[in-house]
Amino acid sequence: MERAVIIGSGNLAEALARAVAGSGAKPVQVFARNAERGRAVAALAGTQWTDDPAQLAAADIYLISVSDKAVAELAASLPIPAGAAVAHTAGSVPLEALPAKFRRAVFYPLQTFTKGREVDFSQIPIFLETDDAALRPALEAFARRLSQRVLWADSVCRAKVHLAAVFACNFANHMYAVGERIVRSAGLPFDVLKPLIAETAAKALDAASPADVQTGPAVRNDLPTKARHCALLDDELQLKNIYSIISNSIWETSKKI
């Protein structure tokens, strides 16, 4: 596989277009409805952009990188040739969302992506799936041009990986935002939390299991401290409930170690 069409212009599409261009493969086109973003992503990959289905380029693989809910409809509506290799990049969307007329596959990079922020794609785990046995070698070879970490996983396994990523990334980042709001209410900048966030992440990466390096009042079941914290959240009942639920989960987990 050499020639790839990137379908989409979001954060992942941008990173994927950059990665394909940097791999030695050829991103022959970016197809995107959003003209401004489509042109920008195409420019980053050194290729052309179109929003006209009639102008969709010929390619060895079509990578559909759009919102989860749009995958099936878009794949079915575009004039992609029957028998073409078509892969979506969604973590929680099953392979069967793609029409059976294609040599269908999943090409899911496990990472968080942000517009304008470059990442080292070679270190990102890419999860593959296909129901076309003949496609497996070429799909894996293409993935290995982009990343050193390529794994095969069916839709059930991949859905669990995606769920784990939501907890480890999206929920964790939301907790950073909550922490920021609380320190700002004390008249302090978010910067005071950054060394703590960096060390927490570093410890988790160095440990055999993040559970092994858990600290804080919950793991000690420090009831007086937890009560003081809850009192500070009397006017934030949702956060108070979150605090209690997570604290109880930490305590129950720590008792099993």
C-alpha atoms as a PDB file:
ATOM      1  CA  MET A   1       0.000   0.000   0.000  1.00  0.00           C
ATOM      2  CA  GLU A   2       1.416   3.339  -1.094  1.00  0.00           C
ATOM      3  CA  ARG A   3      -1.436   5.666  -2.005  1.00  0.00           C
ATOM      4  CA  ALA A   4      -3.801   6.783   0.772  1.00  0.00           C
ATOM      5  CA  VAL A   5      -6.798   9.094   0.815  1.00  0.00           C
ATOM      6  CA  ILE A   6      -7.532  10.692   4.189  1.00  0.00           C
ATOM      7  CA  ILE A   7     -11.249  11.294   4.674  1.00  0.00           C
ATOM      8  CA  GLY A   8     -11.864  13.910   7.353  1.00  0.00           C
ATOM      9  CA  SER A   9     -10.154  17.040   8.665  1.00  0.00           C
ATOM     10  CA  GLY A  10     -10.322  16.740  12.455  1.00  0.00           C
ATOM     11  CA  ASN A  11      -7.529  16.307  14.973  1.00  0.00           C
ATOM     12  CA  LEU A  12      -6.863  12.647  14.156  1.00  0.00           C
ATOM     13  CA  ALA A  13      -7.132  13.210  10.399  1.00  0.00           C
ATOM     14  CA  GLU A  14      -4.490  15.928  10.671  1.00  0.00           C
ATOM     15  CA  ALA A  15      -2.108  13.698  12.657  1.00  0.00           C
ATOM     16  CA  LEU A  16      -2.741  10.766  10.341  1.00  0.00           C
ATOM     17  CA  ALA A  17      -2.113  12.833   7.211  1.00  0.00           C
ATOM     18  CA  ARG A  18       1.187  14.035   8.688  1.00  0.00           C
ATOM     19  CA  ALA A  19       2.154  10.479   9.639  1.00  0.00           C
ATOM     20  CA  VAL A  20       1.357   9.023   6.217  1.00  0.00           C
ATOM     21  CA  ALA A  21       3.365  11.779   4.546  1.00  0.00           C
ATOM     22  CA  GLY A  22       6.292  11.180   6.884  1.00  0.00           C
ATOM     23  CA  SER A  23       6.225   7.402   6.432  1.00  0.00           C
ATOM     24  CA  GLY A  24       7.246   7.396   2.802  1.00  0.00           C
ATOM     25  CA  ALA A  25       3.755   6.401   1.692  1.00  0.00           C
ATOM     26  CA  LYS A  26       1.826   8.890  -0.424  1.00  0.00           C
ATOM     27  CA  PRO A  27      -1.207  10.784   0.868  1.00  0.00           C
ATOM     28  CA  VAL A  28      -2.760  11.447  -2.529  1.00  0.00           C
ATOM     29  CA  GLN A  29      -5.724  13.448  -1.236  1.00  0.00           C
ATOM     30  CA  VAL A  30      -7.617  14.817   1.736  1.00  0.00           C
ATOM     31  CA  PHE A  31     -11.405  14.669   1.331  1.00  0.00           C
ATOM     32  CA  ALA A  32     -13.236  16.940   3.774  1.00  0.00           C
ATOM     33  CA  ARG A  33     -16.456  18.956   3.869  1.00  0.00           C
ATOM     34  CA  ASN A  34     -14.818  21.740   5.898  1.00  0.00           C
ATOM     35  CA  ALA A  35     -12.942  23.715   3.254  1.00  0.00           C
ATOM     36  CA  GLU A  36     -10.711  25.690   5.620  1.00  0.00           C
ATOM     37  CA  ARG A  37      -9.626  22.666   7.627  1.00  0.00           C
ATOM     38  CA  GLY A  38      -9.425  20.420   4.577  1.00  0.00           C
ATOM     39  CA  ARG A  39      -7.013  22.767   2.836  1.00  0.00           C
ATOM     40  CA  ALA A  40      -4.955  23.145   6.008  1.00  0.00           C
ATOM     41  CA  VAL A  41      -4.627  19.401   6.579  1.00  0.00           C
ATOM     42  CA  ALA A  42      -3.792  18.794   2.922  1.00  0.00           C
ATOM     43  CA  ALA A  43      -1.092  21.472   3.060  1.00  0.00           C
ATOM     44  CA  LEU A  44       0.490  19.820   6.107  1.00  0.00           C
ATOM     45  CA  ALA A  45       0.628  16.529   4.208  1.00  0.00           C
ATOM     46  CA  GLY A  46       1.798  18.115   0.962  1.00  0.00           C
ATOM     47  CA  THR A  47      -1.196  16.927  -0.999  1.00  0.00           C
ATOM     48  CA  GLN A  48      -4.449  18.121  -2.557  1.00  0.00           C
ATOM     49  CA  TRP A  49      -7.861  18.658  -0.982  1.00  0.00           C
ATOM     50  CA  THR A  50     -11.383  18.215  -2.313  1.00  0.00           C
ATOM     51  CA  ASP A  51     -14.926  18.305  -0.991  1.00  0.00           C
ATOM     52  CA  ASP A  52     -16.381  16.985  -4.249  1.00  0.00           C
ATOM     53  CA  PRO A  53     -17.191  13.244  -4.126  1.00  0.00           C
ATOM     54  CA  ALA A  54     -16.897  13.102  -7.900  1.00  0.00           C
ATOM     55  CA  GLN A  55     -13.253  14.140  -7.567  1.00  0.00           C
ATOM     56  CA  LEU A  56     -12.340  11.449  -5.046  1.00  0.00           C
ATOM     57  CA  ALA A  57      -8.889  10.146  -5.971  1.00  0.00           C
ATOM     58  CA  ALA A  58      -7.923   6.538  -6.661  1.00  0.00           C
ATOM     59  CA  ALA A  59      -5.958   5.000  -3.796  1.00  0.00           C
ATOM     60  CA  ASP A  60      -4.723   1.759  -2.282  1.00  0.00           C
ATOM     61  CA  ILE A  61      -6.470   2.540   1.005  1.00  0.00           C
ATOM     62  CA  TYR A  62      -9.120   5.014   2.138  1.00  0.00           C
ATOM     63  CA  LEU A  63      -8.756   6.051   5.797  1.00  0.00           C
ATOM     64  CA  ILE A  64     -12.032   7.364   7.209  1.00  0.00           C
ATOM     65  CA  SER A  65     -11.260   9.645  10.140  1.00  0.00           C
ATOM     66  CA  VAL A  66     -14.538  11.332  11.058  1.00  0.00           C
ATOM     67  CA  SER A  67     -16.849  11.376  14.095  1.00  0.00           C
ATOM     68  CA  ASP A  68     -18.047   7.944  15.219  1.00  0.00           C
ATOM     69  CA  LYS A  69     -21.645   8.617  14.240  1.00  0.00           C
ATOM     70  CA  ALA A  70     -20.652   9.656  10.707  1.00  0.00           C
ATOM     71  CA  VAL A  71     -18.508   6.620   9.807  1.00  0.00           C
ATOM     72  CA  ALA A  72     -21.207   4.317   8.424  1.00  0.00           C
ATOM     73  CA  GLU A  73     -23.175   6.953   6.507  1.00  0.00           C
ATOM     74  CA  LEU A  74     -20.116   8.546   4.946  1.00  0.00           C
ATOM     75  CA  ALA A  75     -18.578   5.231   3.913  1.00  0.00           C
ATOM     76  CA  ALA A  76     -21.813   4.208   2.232  1.00  0.00           C
ATOM     77  CA  SER A  77     -22.334   7.550   0.467  1.00  0.00           C
ATOM     78  CA  LEU A  78     -18.911   8.160  -1.064  1.00  0.00           C
ATOM     79  CA  PRO A  79     -18.110   6.774  -4.547  1.00  0.00           C
ATOM     80  CA  ILE A  80     -15.290   4.573  -3.271  1.00  0.00           C
ATOM     81  CA  PRO A  81     -14.820   1.662  -5.697  1.00  0.00           C
ATOM     82  CA  ALA A  82     -16.253  -1.666  -4.569  1.00  0.00           C
ATOM     83  CA  GLY A  83     -13.426  -3.926  -3.489  1.00  0.00           C
ATOM     84  CA  ALA A  84     -11.247  -1.038  -2.312  1.00  0.00           C
ATOM     85  CA  ALA A  85      -9.478  -1.237   1.054  1.00  0.00           C
ATOM     86  CA  VAL A  86     -11.392   1.053   3.416  1.00  0.00           C
ATOM     87  CA  ALA A  87     -10.516   1.510   7.097  1.00  0.00           C
ATOM     88  CA  HIS A  88     -12.113   3.637   9.777  1.00  0.00           C
ATOM     89  CA  THR A  89     -10.077   4.997  12.681  1.00  0.00           C
ATOM     90  CA  ALA A  90     -12.677   4.897  15.478  1.00  0.00           C
ATOM     91  CA  GLY A  91     -12.002   3.070  18.714  1.00  0.00           C
ATOM     92  CA  SER A  92     -15.545   2.094  19.620  1.00  0.00           C
ATOM     93  CA  VAL A  93     -17.136   1.658  16.166  1.00  0.00           C
ATOM     94  CA  PRO A  94     -17.380  -1.986  15.021  1.00  0.00           C
ATOM     95  CA  LEU A  95     -15.808  -3.184  11.797  1.00  0.00           C
ATOM     96  CA  GLU A  96     -19.287  -4.012  10.491  1.00  0.00           C
ATOM     97  CA  ALA A  97     -20.152  -0.297  10.326  1.00  0.00           C
ATOM     98  CA  LEU A  98     -18.347  -0.308   6.987  1.00  0.00           C
ATOM     99  CA  PRO A  99     -20.231  -1.725   3.982  1.00  0.00           C
ATOM    100  CA  ALA A 100     -19.352  -5.341   3.131  1.00  0.00           C
ATOM    101  CA  LYS A 101     -18.694  -4.373  -0.496  1.00  0.00           C
ATOM    102  CA  PHE A 102     -15.297  -3.030   0.618  1.00  0.00           C
ATOM    103  CA  ARG A 103     -12.190  -4.785   1.823  1.00  0.00           C
ATOM    104  CA  ARG A 104     -13.022  -3.286   5.178  1.00  0.00           C
ATOM    105  CA  ALA A 105     -10.703  -2.731   8.120  1.00  0.00           C
ATOM    106  CA  VAL A 106     -10.115  -0.766  11.303  1.00  0.00           C
ATOM    107  CA  PHE A 107      -6.996   1.379  11.778  1.00  0.00           C
ATOM    108  CA  TYR A 108      -7.232   2.766  15.338  1.00  0.00           C
ATOM    109  CA  PRO A 109      -4.305   4.804  16.767  1.00  0.00           C
ATOM    110  CA  LEU A 110      -4.483   4.901  20.580  1.00  0.00           C
ATOM    111  CA  GLN A 111      -3.566   8.491  21.376  1.00  0.00           C
ATOM    112  CA  THR A 112      -5.092  11.873  22.107  1.00  0.00           C
ATOM    113  CA  PHE A 113      -4.739  14.340  19.238  1.00  0.00           C
ATOM    114  CA  THR A 114      -4.991  18.135  19.176  1.00  0.00           C
ATOM    115  CA  LYS A 115      -5.018  20.450  16.175  1.00  0.00           C
ATOM    116  CA  GLY A 116      -1.588  21.923  15.521  1.00  0.00           C
ATOM    117  CA  ARG A 117       0.186  19.655  18.021  1.00  0.00           C
ATOM    118  CA  GLU A 118       2.648  17.172  16.529  1.00  0.00           C
ATOM    119  CA  VAL A 119       3.057  13.737  18.101  1.00  0.00           C
ATOM    120  CA  ASP A 120       5.570  10.950  17.551  1.00  0.00           C
ATOM    121  CA  PHE A 121       3.353   8.590  15.592  1.00  0.00           C
ATOM    122  CA  SER A 122       6.043   5.897  15.609  1.00  0.00           C
ATOM    123  CA  GLN A 123       5.359   5.284  19.327  1.00  0.00           C
ATOM    124  CA  ILE A 124       1.555   5.168  19.095  1.00  0.00           C
ATOM    125  CA  PRO A 125      -0.076   1.723  19.328  1.00  0.00           C
ATOM    126  CA  ILE A 126      -2.169   1.076  16.219  1.00  0.00           C
ATOM    127  CA  PHE A 127      -4.955  -1.489  16.586  1.00  0.00           C
ATOM    128  CA  LEU A 128      -5.942  -3.293  13.391  1.00  0.00           C
ATOM    129  CA  GLU A 129      -8.906  -5.433  12.408  1.00  0.00           C
ATOM    130  CA  THR A 130     -10.203  -6.844   9.128  1.00  0.00           C
ATOM    131  CA  ASP A 131     -12.453  -9.677   8.035  1.00  0.00           C
ATOM    132  CA  ASP A 132     -10.472 -10.020   4.790  1.00  0.00           C
ATOM    133  CA  ALA A 133      -7.617 -12.466   5.422  1.00  0.00           C
ATOM    134  CA  ALA A 134      -5.904 -11.507   2.176  1.00  0.00           C
ATOM    135  CA  LEU A 135      -5.753  -7.861   3.300  1.00  0.00           C
ATOM    136  CA  ARG A 136      -3.978  -8.562   6.601  1.00  0.00           C
ATOM    137  CA  PRO A 137      -0.337  -8.572   5.376  1.00  0.00           C
ATOM    138  CA  ALA A 138      -0.643  -5.347   3.367  1.00  0.00           C
ATOM    139  CA  LEU A 139      -2.615  -3.591   6.118  1.00  0.00           C
ATOM    140  CA  GLU A 140      -0.059  -4.552   8.762  1.00  0.00           C
ATOM    141  CA  ALA A 141       2.852  -3.535   6.546  1.00  0.00           C
ATOM    142  CA  PHE A 142       1.209  -0.142   5.946  1.00  0.00           C
ATOM    143  CA  ALA A 143       0.627   0.337   9.687  1.00  0.00           C
ATOM    144  CA  ARG A 144       4.232  -0.561  10.479  1.00  0.00           C
ATOM    145  CA  ARG A 145       5.416   2.209   8.187  1.00  0.00           C
ATOM    146  CA  LEU A 146       3.704   4.623  10.561  1.00  0.00           C
ATOM    147  CA  SER A 147       4.291   2.992  13.953  1.00  0.00           C
ATOM    148  CA  GLN A 148       6.583   0.506  15.690  1.00  0.00           C
ATOM    149  CA  ARG A 149       3.639  -0.746  17.771  1.00  0.00           C
ATOM    150  CA  VAL A 150       1.002  -2.582  15.730  1.00  0.00           C
ATOM    151  CA  LEU A 151      -1.529  -4.944  17.328  1.00  0.00           C
ATOM    152  CA  TRP A 152      -4.471  -6.966  16.009  1.00  0.00           C
ATOM    153  CA  ALA A 153      -7.670  -6.631  18.016  1.00  0.00           C
ATOM    154  CA  ASP A 154     -11.300  -7.432  17.286  1.00  0.00           C
ATOM    155  CA  SER A 155     -14.094  -4.939  17.862  1.00  0.00           C
ATOM    156  CA  VAL A 156     -14.884  -6.220  21.378  1.00  0.00           C
ATOM    157  CA  CYS A 157     -11.267  -5.890  22.484  1.00  0.00           C
ATOM    158  CA  ARG A 158     -10.890  -2.497  20.824  1.00  0.00           C
ATOM    159  CA  ALA A 159     -14.034  -1.169  22.539  1.00  0.00           C
ATOM    160  CA  LYS A 160     -12.467  -2.017  25.902  1.00  0.00           C
ATOM    161  CA  VAL A 161      -9.219  -0.322  24.887  1.00  0.00           C
ATOM    162  CA  HIS A 162     -11.208   2.769  23.941  1.00  0.00           C
ATOM    163  CA  LEU A 163     -13.044   2.703  27.275  1.00  0.00           C
ATOM    164  CA  ALA A 164      -9.718   2.411  29.100  1.00  0.00           C
ATOM    165  CA  ALA A 165      -8.450   5.406  27.128  1.00  0.00           C
ATOM    166  CA  VAL A 166     -11.467   7.479  28.182  1.00  0.00           C
ATOM    167  CA  PHE A 167     -10.662   6.822  31.837  1.00  0.00           C
ATOM    168  CA  ALA A 168      -6.892   7.268  31.479  1.00  0.00           C
ATOM    169  CA  CYS A 169      -7.008  10.334  29.238  1.00  0.00           C
ATOM    170  CA  ASN A 170     -10.342  12.152  28.999  1.00  0.00           C
ATOM    171  CA  PHE A 171     -11.418  11.667  32.612  1.00  0.00           C
ATOM    172  CA  ALA A 172      -7.901  12.349  33.931  1.00  0.00           C
ATOM    173  CA  ASN A 173      -7.726  15.591  31.939  1.00  0.00           C
ATOM    174  CA  HIS A 174     -11.126  16.621  33.278  1.00  0.00           C
ATOM    175  CA  MET A 175      -9.775  16.119  36.797  1.00  0.00           C
ATOM    176  CA  TYR A 176      -6.906  18.481  35.913  1.00  0.00           C
ATOM    177  CA  ALA A 177      -9.516  21.054  34.874  1.00  0.00           C
ATOM    178  CA  VAL A 178     -11.407  20.558  38.148  1.00  0.00           C
ATOM    179  CA  GLY A 179      -8.156  20.969  40.077  1.00  0.00           C
ATOM    180  CA  GLU A 180      -7.439  24.149  38.142  1.00  0.00           C
ATOM    181  CA  ARG A 181     -10.826  25.576  39.067  1.00  0.00           C
ATOM    182  CA  ILE A 182     -10.293  24.810  42.741  1.00  0.00           C
ATOM    183  CA  VAL A 183      -6.799  26.333  42.978  1.00  0.00           C
ATOM    184  CA  ARG A 184      -7.992  29.405  41.088  1.00  0.00           C
ATOM    185  CA  SER A 185     -10.771  29.784  43.671  1.00  0.00           C
ATOM    186  CA  ALA A 186      -7.937  30.075  46.208  1.00  0.00           C
ATOM    187  CA  GLY A 187      -6.340  32.842  44.140  1.00  0.00           C
ATOM    188  CA  LEU A 188      -3.589  30.627  42.721  1.00  0.00           C
ATOM    189  CA  PRO A 189      -2.617  29.821  39.116  1.00  0.00           C
ATOM    190  CA  PHE A 190      -2.869  26.394  37.500  1.00  0.00           C
ATOM    191  CA  ASP A 191       0.955  26.345  37.330  1.00  0.00           C
ATOM    192  CA  VAL A 192       1.158  25.264  40.994  1.00  0.00           C
ATOM    193  CA  LEU A 193      -0.357  21.894  40.011  1.00  0.00           C
ATOM    194  CA  LYS A 194       1.828  21.210  36.972  1.00  0.00           C
ATOM    195  CA  PRO A 195       4.814  19.626  38.809  1.00  0.00           C
ATOM    196  CA  LEU A 196       2.368  17.358  40.656  1.00  0.00           C
ATOM    197  CA  ILE A 197       0.656  16.323  37.408  1.00  0.00           C
ATOM    198  CA  ALA A 198       4.020  15.624  35.755  1.00  0.00           C
ATOM    199  CA  GLU A 199       5.260  13.473  38.657  1.00  0.00           C
ATOM    200  CA  THR A 200       1.961  11.587  38.928  1.00  0.00           C
ATOM    201  CA  ALA A 201       2.151  10.656  35.250  1.00  0.00           C
ATOM    202  CA  ALA A 202       5.862   9.801  35.477  1.00  0.00           C
ATOM    203  CA  LYS A 203       5.298   7.480  38.456  1.00  0.00           C
ATOM    204  CA  ALA A 204       2.455   5.683  36.717  1.00  0.00           C
ATOM    205  CA  LEU A 205       4.625   5.162  33.621  1.00  0.00           C
ATOM    206  CA  ASP A 206       7.540   3.829  35.688  1.00  0.00           C
ATOM    207  CA  ALA A 207       5.433   1.488  37.836  1.00  0.00           C
ATOM    208  CA  ALA A 208       4.378  -2.054  37.010  1.00  0.00           C
ATOM    209  CA  SER A 209       0.840  -0.876  37.835  1.00  0.00           C
ATOM    210  CA  PRO A 210      -0.479   2.617  38.657  1.00  0.00           C
ATOM    211  CA  ALA A 211      -2.247   1.033  41.636  1.00  0.00           C
ATOM    212  CA  ASP A 212       1.184   0.351  43.163  1.00  0.00           C
ATOM    213  CA  VAL A 213       1.982   4.070  43.435  1.00  0.00           C
ATOM    214  CA  GLN A 214      -1.420   5.373  44.547  1.00  0.00           C
ATOM    215  CA  THR A 215      -1.180   7.997  47.293  1.00  0.00           C
ATOM    216  CA  GLY A 216      -3.535  10.388  49.071  1.00  0.00           C
ATOM    217  CA  PRO A 217      -6.139  10.357  51.850  1.00  0.00           C
ATOM    218  CA  ALA A 218      -8.374   7.822  50.093  1.00  0.00           C
ATOM    219  CA  VAL A 219      -5.756   5.063  49.956  1.00  0.00           C
ATOM    220  CA  ARG A 220      -5.122   5.613  53.678  1.00  0.00           C
ATOM    221  CA  ASN A 221      -8.852   5.881  54.410  1.00  0.00           C
ATOM    222  CA  ASP A 222      -8.089   9.166  56.201  1.00  0.00           C
ATOM    223  CA  LEU A 223     -11.631   9.954  57.305  1.00  0.00           C
ATOM    224  CA  PRO A 224     -10.982  13.378  58.937  1.00  0.00           C
ATOM    225  CA  THR A 225      -9.225  14.711  55.821  1.00  0.00           C
ATOM    226  CA  LYS A 226     -11.913  13.363  53.516  1.00  0.00           C
ATOM    227  CA  ALA A 227     -14.583  14.975  55.695  1.00  0.00           C
ATOM    228  CA  ARG A 228     -12.816  18.354  55.503  1.00  0.00           C
ATOM    229  CA  HIS A 229     -12.574  18.056  51.718  1.00  0.00           C
ATOM    230  CA  CYS A 230     -16.254  17.185  51.426  1.00  0.00           C
ATOM    231  CA  ALA A 231     -17.148  20.183  53.597  1.00  0.00           C
ATOM    232  CA  LEU A 232     -15.332  22.437  51.111  1.00  0.00           C
ATOM    233  CA  LEU A 233     -17.573  20.989  48.394  1.00  0.00           C
ATOM    234  CA  ASP A 234     -20.895  21.530  50.171  1.00  0.00           C
ATOM    235  CA  ASP A 235     -21.885  24.023  47.470  1.00  0.00           C
ATOM    236  CA  GLU A 236     -20.653  21.713  44.677  1.00  0.00           C
ATOM    237  CA  LEU A 237     -22.796  18.621  45.172  1.00  0.00           C
ATOM    238  CA  GLN A 238     -21.788  17.014  41.874  1.00  0.00           C
ATOM    239  CA  LEU A 239     -18.087  17.348  42.694  1.00  0.00           C
ATOM    240  CA  LYS A 240     -18.757  16.160  46.236  1.00  0.00           C
ATOM    241  CA  ASN A 241     -20.373  13.001  44.853  1.00  0.00           C
ATOM    242  CA  ILE A 242     -17.488  12.483  42.423  1.00  0.00           C
ATOM    243  CA  TYR A 243     -14.995  12.935  45.277  1.00  0.00           C
ATOM    244  CA  SER A 244     -16.797  10.357  47.409  1.00  0.00           C
ATOM    245  CA  ILE A 245     -17.247   7.809  44.612  1.00  0.00           C
ATOM    246  CA  ILE A 246     -13.615   7.987  43.489  1.00  0.00           C
ATOM    247  CA  SER A 247     -12.331   7.945  47.072  1.00  0.00           C
ATOM    248  CA  ASN A 248     -14.357   4.822  47.797  1.00  0.00           C
ATOM    249  CA  SER A 249     -13.084   3.193  44.614  1.00  0.00           C
ATOM    250  CA  ILE A 250      -9.453   3.944  45.567  1.00  0.00           C
ATOM    251  CA  TRP A 251      -9.981   2.531  49.049  1.00  0.00           C
ATOM    252  CA  GLU A 252     -11.674  -0.644  47.811  1.00  0.00           C
ATOM    253  CA  THR A 253      -8.933  -1.149  45.218  1.00  0.00           C
ATOM    254  CA  SER A 254      -6.113  -0.564  47.708  1.00  0.00           C
ATOM    255  CA  LYS A 255      -7.507  -3.211  50.084  1.00  0.00           C
ATOM    256  CA  LYS A 256      -7.131  -5.840  47.334  1.00  0.00           C
ATOM    257  CA  ILE A 257      -3.456  -5.136  46.637  1.00  0.00           C
END
